[in-house]
PDB file of all heavy atoms in Angstrom:
ATOM      1  N   PRO A   1     104.181 112.004 105.214  1.00  0.00           N
ATOM      2  CA  PRO A   1     104.164 110.778 106.029  1.00  0.00           C
ATOM      3  C   PRO A   1     102.822 110.043 105.936  1.00  0.00           C
ATOM      4  O   PRO A   1     101.780 110.663 105.923  1.00  0.00           O
ATOM      5  CB  PRO A   1     104.401 111.283 107.452  1.00  0.00           C
ATOM      6  CG  PRO A   1     104.664 112.727 107.379  1.00  0.00           C
ATOM      7  CD  PRO A   1     104.372 113.207 105.993  1.00  0.00           C
ATOM      8  N   ARG A   2     102.892 108.762 105.853  1.00  0.00           N
ATOM      9  CA  ARG A   2     101.727 107.869 105.849  1.00  0.00           C
ATOM     10  C   ARG A   2     100.828 108.008 104.618  1.00  0.00           C
ATOM     11  O   ARG A   2      99.792 107.367 104.553  1.00  0.00           O
ATOM     12  CB  ARG A   2     100.898 108.017 107.136  1.00  0.00           C
ATOM     13  CG  ARG A   2     101.666 107.656 108.406  1.00  0.00           C
ATOM     14  CD  ARG A   2     100.906 107.966 109.677  1.00  0.00           C
ATOM     15  NE  ARG A   2     100.423 109.331 109.784  1.00  0.00           N
ATOM     16  CZ  ARG A   2     101.165 110.396 110.099  1.00  0.00           C
ATOM     17  NH1 ARG A   2     102.440 110.262 110.344  1.00  0.00           N
ATOM     18  NH2 ARG A   2     100.632 111.603 110.172  1.00  0.00           N
ATOM     19  N   MET A   3     101.200 108.843 103.648  1.00  0.00           N
ATOM     20  CA  MET A   3     100.310 108.998 102.487  1.00  0.00           C
ATOM     21  C   MET A   3     100.080 107.668 101.776  1.00  0.00           C
ATOM     22  O   MET A   3      98.979 107.400 101.299  1.00  0.00           O
ATOM     23  CB  MET A   3     100.826 110.055 101.515  1.00  0.00           C
ATOM     24  CG  MET A   3     102.117 109.703 100.806  1.00  0.00           C
ATOM     25  SD  MET A   3     102.630 110.955  99.611  1.00  0.00           S
ATOM     26  CE  MET A   3     101.676 110.474  98.178  1.00  0.00           C
ATOM     27  N   HIS A   4     101.100 106.828 101.740  1.00  0.00           N
ATOM     28  CA  HIS A   4     101.004 105.548 101.038  1.00  0.00           C
ATOM     29  C   HIS A   4     100.109 104.546 101.784  1.00  0.00           C
ATOM     30  O   HIS A   4      99.738 103.517 101.227  1.00  0.00           O
ATOM     31  CB  HIS A   4     102.403 104.954 100.823  1.00  0.00           C
ATOM     32  CG  HIS A   4     103.171 104.756 102.074  1.00  0.00           C
ATOM     33  ND1 HIS A   4     103.785 105.782 102.746  1.00  0.00           N
ATOM     34  CD2 HIS A   4     103.408 103.631 102.798  1.00  0.00           C
ATOM     35  CE1 HIS A   4     104.380 105.298 103.820  1.00  0.00           C
ATOM     36  NE2 HIS A   4     104.164 104.010 103.882  1.00  0.00           N
ATOM     37  N   GLU A   5      99.733 104.875 103.019  1.00  0.00           N
ATOM     38  CA  GLU A   5      98.836 104.025 103.800  1.00  0.00           C
ATOM     39  C   GLU A   5      97.379 104.470 103.681  1.00  0.00           C
ATOM     40  O   GLU A   5      96.492 103.825 104.240  1.00  0.00           O
ATOM     41  CB  GLU A   5      99.226 104.072 105.282  1.00  0.00           C
ATOM     42  CG  GLU A   5     100.635 103.606 105.570  1.00  0.00           C
ATOM     43  CD  GLU A   5     101.073 103.911 106.995  1.00  0.00           C
ATOM     44  OE1 GLU A   5     100.272 104.477 107.785  1.00  0.00           O
ATOM     45  OE2 GLU A   5     102.226 103.591 107.322  1.00  0.00           O
ATOM     46  N   ARG A   6      97.145 105.558 102.979  1.00  0.00           N
ATOM     47  CA  ARG A   6      95.817 106.180 102.983  1.00  0.00           C
ATOM     48  C   ARG A   6      95.180 106.148 101.594  1.00  0.00           C
ATOM     49  O   ARG A   6      95.624 106.820 100.674  1.00  0.00           O
ATOM     50  CB  ARG A   6      95.933 107.613 103.485  1.00  0.00           C
ATOM     51  CG  ARG A   6      96.393 107.632 104.937  1.00  0.00           C
ATOM     52  CD  ARG A   6      96.570 109.003 105.465  1.00  0.00           C
ATOM     53  NE  ARG A   6      96.795 108.940 106.909  1.00  0.00           N
ATOM     54  CZ  ARG A   6      97.301 109.919 107.604  1.00  0.00           C
ATOM     55  NH1 ARG A   6      97.653 111.048 107.017  1.00  0.00           N
ATOM     56  NH2 ARG A   6      97.464 109.793 108.905  1.00  0.00           N
ATOM     57  N   GLY A   7      94.121 105.372 101.506  1.00  0.00           N
ATOM     58  CA  GLY A   7      93.410 105.265 100.237  1.00  0.00           C
ATOM     59  C   GLY A   7      92.893 106.596  99.736  1.00  0.00           C
ATOM     60  O   GLY A   7      92.867 106.846  98.532  1.00  0.00           O
ATOM     61  N   PHE A   8      92.490 107.472 100.672  1.00  0.00           N
ATOM     62  CA  PHE A   8      91.930 108.758 100.253  1.00  0.00           C
ATOM     63  C   PHE A   8      92.973 109.632  99.568  1.00  0.00           C
ATOM     64  O   PHE A   8      92.621 110.593  98.885  1.00  0.00           O
ATOM     65  CB  PHE A   8      91.255 109.504 101.411  1.00  0.00           C
ATOM     66  CG  PHE A   8      92.182 109.966 102.514  1.00  0.00           C
ATOM     67  CD1 PHE A   8      92.871 111.156 102.412  1.00  0.00           C
ATOM     68  CD2 PHE A   8      92.334 109.205 103.670  1.00  0.00           C
ATOM     69  CE1 PHE A   8      93.702 111.597 103.438  1.00  0.00           C
ATOM     70  CE2 PHE A   8      93.160 109.627 104.701  1.00  0.00           C
ATOM     71  CZ  PHE A   8      93.853 110.826 104.575  1.00  0.00           C
ATOM     72  N   VAL A   9      94.254 109.314  99.722  1.00  0.00           N
ATOM     73  CA  VAL A   9      95.331 109.991  99.003  1.00  0.00           C
ATOM     74  C   VAL A   9      95.718 109.194  97.761  1.00  0.00           C
ATOM     75  O   VAL A   9      95.844 109.741  96.666  1.00  0.00           O
ATOM     76  CB  VAL A   9      96.578 110.184  99.895  1.00  0.00           C
ATOM     77  CG1 VAL A   9      97.750 110.726  99.094  1.00  0.00           C
ATOM     78  CG2 VAL A   9      96.271 111.090 101.069  1.00  0.00           C
ATOM     79  N   MET A  10      95.909 107.899  97.933  1.00  0.00           N
ATOM     80  CA  MET A  10      96.468 107.096  96.855  1.00  0.00           C
ATOM     81  C   MET A  10      95.510 106.882  95.686  1.00  0.00           C
ATOM     82  O   MET A  10      95.946 106.803  94.543  1.00  0.00           O
ATOM     83  CB  MET A  10      96.968 105.753  97.406  1.00  0.00           C
ATOM     84  CG  MET A  10      98.091 105.896  98.439  1.00  0.00           C
ATOM     85  SD  MET A  10      99.467 106.970  97.933  1.00  0.00           S
ATOM     86  CE  MET A  10     100.163 106.007  96.614  1.00  0.00           C
ATOM     87  N   VAL A  11      94.213 106.803  95.942  1.00  0.00           N
ATOM     88  CA  VAL A  11      93.260 106.621  94.837  1.00  0.00           C
ATOM     89  C   VAL A  11      93.301 107.822  93.888  1.00  0.00           C
ATOM     90  O   VAL A  11      93.514 107.650  92.682  1.00  0.00           O
ATOM     91  CB  VAL A  11      91.831 106.333  95.357  1.00  0.00           C
ATOM     92  CG1 VAL A  11      90.809 106.451  94.240  1.00  0.00           C
ATOM     93  CG2 VAL A  11      91.768 104.954  95.999  1.00  0.00           C
ATOM     94  N   PRO A  12      93.133 109.062  94.384  1.00  0.00           N
ATOM     95  CA  PRO A  12      93.193 110.186  93.434  1.00  0.00           C
ATOM     96  C   PRO A  12      94.600 110.422  92.876  1.00  0.00           C
ATOM     97  O   PRO A  12      94.745 110.845  91.719  1.00  0.00           O
ATOM     98  CB  PRO A  12      92.694 111.384  94.237  1.00  0.00           C
ATOM     99  CG  PRO A  12      92.745 110.986  95.662  1.00  0.00           C
ATOM    100  CD  PRO A  12      92.695 109.498  95.715  1.00  0.00           C
ATOM    101  N   LEU A  13      95.653 110.128  93.656  1.00  0.00           N
ATOM    102  CA  LEU A  13      97.011 110.289  93.144  1.00  0.00           C
ATOM    103  C   LEU A  13      97.254 109.321  91.991  1.00  0.00           C
ATOM    104  O   LEU A  13      97.768 109.716  90.936  1.00  0.00           O
ATOM    105  CB  LEU A  13      98.039 110.062  94.257  1.00  0.00           C
ATOM    106  CG  LEU A  13      99.506 110.123  93.817  1.00  0.00           C
ATOM    107  CD1 LEU A  13      99.866 111.507  93.289  1.00  0.00           C
ATOM    108  CD2 LEU A  13     100.429 109.734  94.970  1.00  0.00           C
ATOM    109  N   ALA A  14      96.873 108.063  92.166  1.00  0.00           N
ATOM    110  CA  ALA A  14      97.061 107.065  91.111  1.00  0.00           C
ATOM    111  C   ALA A  14      96.232 107.405  89.875  1.00  0.00           C
ATOM    112  O   ALA A  14      96.630 107.099  88.752  1.00  0.00           O
ATOM    113  CB  ALA A  14      96.723 105.676  91.634  1.00  0.00           C
ATOM    114  N   GLU A  15      95.084 108.047  90.080  1.00  0.00           N
ATOM    115  CA  GLU A  15      94.280 108.486  88.939  1.00  0.00           C
ATOM    116  C   GLU A  15      95.072 109.486  88.088  1.00  0.00           C
ATOM    117  O   GLU A  15      95.023 109.443  86.863  1.00  0.00           O
ATOM    118  CB  GLU A  15      92.977 109.126  89.433  1.00  0.00           C
ATOM    119  CG  GLU A  15      92.106 109.666  88.324  1.00  0.00           C
ATOM    120  CD  GLU A  15      90.890 110.420  88.838  1.00  0.00           C
ATOM    121  OE1 GLU A  15      90.386 110.096  89.941  1.00  0.00           O
ATOM    122  OE2 GLU A  15      90.458 111.346  88.144  1.00  0.00           O
ATOM    123  N   LEU A  16      95.810 110.373  88.752  1.00  0.00           N
ATOM    124  CA  LEU A  16      96.592 111.377  88.026  1.00  0.00           C
ATOM    125  C   LEU A  16      97.874 110.799  87.438  1.00  0.00           C
ATOM    126  O   LEU A  16      98.256 111.127  86.309  1.00  0.00           O
ATOM    127  CB  LEU A  16      96.949 112.551  88.942  1.00  0.00           C
ATOM    128  CG  LEU A  16      95.822 113.455  89.366  1.00  0.00           C
ATOM    129  CD1 LEU A  16      96.351 114.592  90.224  1.00  0.00           C
ATOM    130  CD2 LEU A  16      95.084 114.013  88.157  1.00  0.00           C
ATOM    131  N   ASP A  17      98.583 109.974  88.209  1.00  0.00           N
ATOM    132  CA  ASP A  17      99.859 109.412  87.751  1.00  0.00           C
ATOM    133  C   ASP A  17     100.132 108.128  88.517  1.00  0.00           C
ATOM    134  O   ASP A  17     100.739 108.163  89.593  1.00  0.00           O
ATOM    135  CB  ASP A  17     100.997 110.413  87.954  1.00  0.00           C
ATOM    136  CG  ASP A  17     102.316 109.948  87.357  1.00  0.00           C
ATOM    137  OD1 ASP A  17     102.442 108.739  87.033  1.00  0.00           O
ATOM    138  OD2 ASP A  17     103.227 110.774  87.228  1.00  0.00           O
ATOM    139  N   SER A  18      99.704 107.007  87.971  1.00  0.00           N
ATOM    140  CA  SER A  18      99.853 105.727  88.672  1.00  0.00           C
ATOM    141  C   SER A  18     101.310 105.296  88.786  1.00  0.00           C
ATOM    142  O   SER A  18     101.647 104.481  89.632  1.00  0.00           O
ATOM    143  CB  SER A  18      99.040 104.640  87.969  1.00  0.00           C
ATOM    144  OG  SER A  18      99.526 104.453  86.637  1.00  0.00           O
ATOM    145  N   GLY A  19     102.192 105.897  87.974  1.00  0.00           N
ATOM    146  CA  GLY A  19     103.595 105.524  88.003  1.00  0.00           C
ATOM    147  C   GLY A  19     104.474 106.404  88.861  1.00  0.00           C
ATOM    148  O   GLY A  19     105.678 106.157  88.971  1.00  0.00           O
ATOM    149  N   VAL A  20     103.892 107.418  89.497  1.00  0.00           N
ATOM    150  CA  VAL A  20     104.701 108.319  90.313  1.00  0.00           C
ATOM    151  C   VAL A  20     105.277 107.545  91.498  1.00  0.00           C
ATOM    152  O   VAL A  20     104.602 106.706  92.089  1.00  0.00           O
ATOM    153  CB  VAL A  20     103.907 109.564  90.770  1.00  0.00           C
ATOM    154  CG1 VAL A  20     102.832 109.217  91.788  1.00  0.00           C
ATOM    155  CG2 VAL A  20     104.830 110.643  91.318  1.00  0.00           C
ATOM    156  N   SER A  21     106.531 107.826  91.816  1.00  0.00           N
ATOM    157  CA  SER A  21     107.226 107.104  92.882  1.00  0.00           C
ATOM    158  C   SER A  21     106.914 107.699  94.247  1.00  0.00           C
ATOM    159  O   SER A  21     107.009 108.906  94.454  1.00  0.00           O
ATOM    160  CB  SER A  21     108.734 107.154  92.628  1.00  0.00           C
ATOM    161  OG  SER A  21     109.414 106.466  93.655  1.00  0.00           O
ATOM    162  N   VAL A  22     106.544 106.812  95.163  1.00  0.00           N
ATOM    163  CA  VAL A  22     106.264 107.181  96.549  1.00  0.00           C
ATOM    164  C   VAL A  22     107.010 106.184  97.428  1.00  0.00           C
ATOM    165  O   VAL A  22     106.643 105.005  97.465  1.00  0.00           O
ATOM    166  CB  VAL A  22     104.748 107.131  96.865  1.00  0.00           C
ATOM    167  CG1 VAL A  22     104.492 107.486  98.314  1.00  0.00           C
ATOM    168  CG2 VAL A  22     103.953 108.017  95.923  1.00  0.00           C
ATOM    169  N   ALA A  23     108.056 106.634  98.095  1.00  0.00           N
ATOM    170  CA  ALA A  23     108.804 105.783  99.028  1.00  0.00           C
ATOM    171  C   ALA A  23     109.201 104.441  98.410  1.00  0.00           C
ATOM    172  O   ALA A  23     109.005 103.387  99.009  1.00  0.00           O
ATOM    173  CB  ALA A  23     108.005 105.592 100.316  1.00  0.00           C
ATOM    174  N   GLY A  24     109.707 104.480  97.192  1.00  0.00           N
ATOM    175  CA  GLY A  24     110.261 103.296  96.572  1.00  0.00           C
ATOM    176  C   GLY A  24     109.310 102.422  95.775  1.00  0.00           C
ATOM    177  O   GLY A  24     109.728 101.426  95.184  1.00  0.00           O
ATOM    178  N   LYS A  25     108.031 102.749  95.766  1.00  0.00           N
ATOM    179  CA  LYS A  25     107.054 102.009  94.967  1.00  0.00           C
ATOM    180  C   LYS A  25     106.206 103.008  94.200  1.00  0.00           C
ATOM    181  O   LYS A  25     106.134 104.180  94.565  1.00  0.00           O
ATOM    182  CB  LYS A  25     106.150 101.154  95.879  1.00  0.00           C
ATOM    183  CG  LYS A  25     106.875 100.002  96.550  1.00  0.00           C
ATOM    184  CD  LYS A  25     106.074  99.343  97.654  1.00  0.00           C
ATOM    185  CE  LYS A  25     104.869  98.599  97.236  1.00  0.00           C
ATOM    186  NZ  LYS A  25     104.254  97.831  98.354  1.00  0.00           N
ATOM    187  N   THR A  26     105.558 102.546  93.153  1.00  0.00           N
ATOM    188  CA  THR A  26     104.662 103.437  92.417  1.00  0.00           C
ATOM    189  C   THR A  26     103.340 103.591  93.166  1.00  0.00           C
ATOM    190  O   THR A  26     102.992 102.762  94.018  1.00  0.00           O
ATOM    191  CB  THR A  26     104.355 102.892  91.009  1.00  0.00           C
ATOM    192  OG1 THR A  26     103.575 101.693  91.137  1.00  0.00           O
ATOM    193  CG2 THR A  26     105.623 102.644  90.205  1.00  0.00           C
ATOM    194  N   ALA A  27     102.615 104.634  92.812  1.00  0.00           N
ATOM    195  CA  ALA A  27     101.295 104.838  93.418  1.00  0.00           C
ATOM    196  C   ALA A  27     100.408 103.622  93.176  1.00  0.00           C
ATOM    197  O   ALA A  27      99.686 103.178  94.076  1.00  0.00           O
ATOM    198  CB  ALA A  27     100.651 106.104  92.864  1.00  0.00           C
ATOM    199  N   ALA A  28     100.463 103.057  91.982  1.00  0.00           N
ATOM    200  CA  ALA A  28      99.645 101.880  91.663  1.00  0.00           C
ATOM    201  C   ALA A  28     100.033 100.688  92.535  1.00  0.00           C
ATOM    202  O   ALA A  28      99.159  99.940  92.991  1.00  0.00           O
ATOM    203  CB  ALA A  28      99.790 101.527  90.185  1.00  0.00           C
ATOM    204  N   GLU A  29     101.334 100.502  92.778  1.00  0.00           N
ATOM    205  CA  GLU A  29     101.771  99.392  93.625  1.00  0.00           C
ATOM    206  C   GLU A  29     101.287  99.572  95.057  1.00  0.00           C
ATOM    207  O   GLU A  29     100.820  98.612  95.690  1.00  0.00           O
ATOM    208  CB  GLU A  29     103.300  99.265  93.585  1.00  0.00           C
ATOM    209  CG  GLU A  29     103.815  98.750  92.251  1.00  0.00           C
ATOM    210  CD  GLU A  29     105.326  98.861  92.111  1.00  0.00           C
ATOM    211  OE1 GLU A  29     105.942  99.762  92.725  1.00  0.00           O
ATOM    212  OE2 GLU A  29     105.887  98.042  91.368  1.00  0.00           O
ATOM    213  N   TRP A  30     101.380 100.778  95.589  1.00  0.00           N
ATOM    214  CA  TRP A  30     100.870 101.032  96.943  1.00  0.00           C
ATOM    215  C   TRP A  30      99.365 100.790  96.994  1.00  0.00           C
ATOM    216  O   TRP A  30      98.839 100.222  97.952  1.00  0.00           O
ATOM    217  CB  TRP A  30     101.163 102.460  97.392  1.00  0.00           C
ATOM    218  CG  TRP A  30     102.574 102.701  97.823  1.00  0.00           C
ATOM    219  CD1 TRP A  30     103.489 103.515  97.229  1.00  0.00           C
ATOM    220  CD2 TRP A  30     103.238 102.128  98.958  1.00  0.00           C
ATOM    221  NE1 TRP A  30     104.679 103.479  97.917  1.00  0.00           N
ATOM    222  CE2 TRP A  30     104.557 102.636  98.979  1.00  0.00           C
ATOM    223  CE3 TRP A  30     102.849 101.230  99.951  1.00  0.00           C
ATOM    224  CZ2 TRP A  30     105.483 102.287  99.955  1.00  0.00           C
ATOM    225  CZ3 TRP A  30     103.779 100.880 100.930  1.00  0.00           C
ATOM    226  CH2 TRP A  30     105.066 101.404 100.927  1.00  0.00           C
TER     227      TRP A  30
END
């Protein structure tokens, strides 16, 4: 929950896989 609202999660996640799907959008889109 709320991971897509948190830069401290999304920045390192997008570094690993910017195209991974999170709640209907990619990490890069979030």
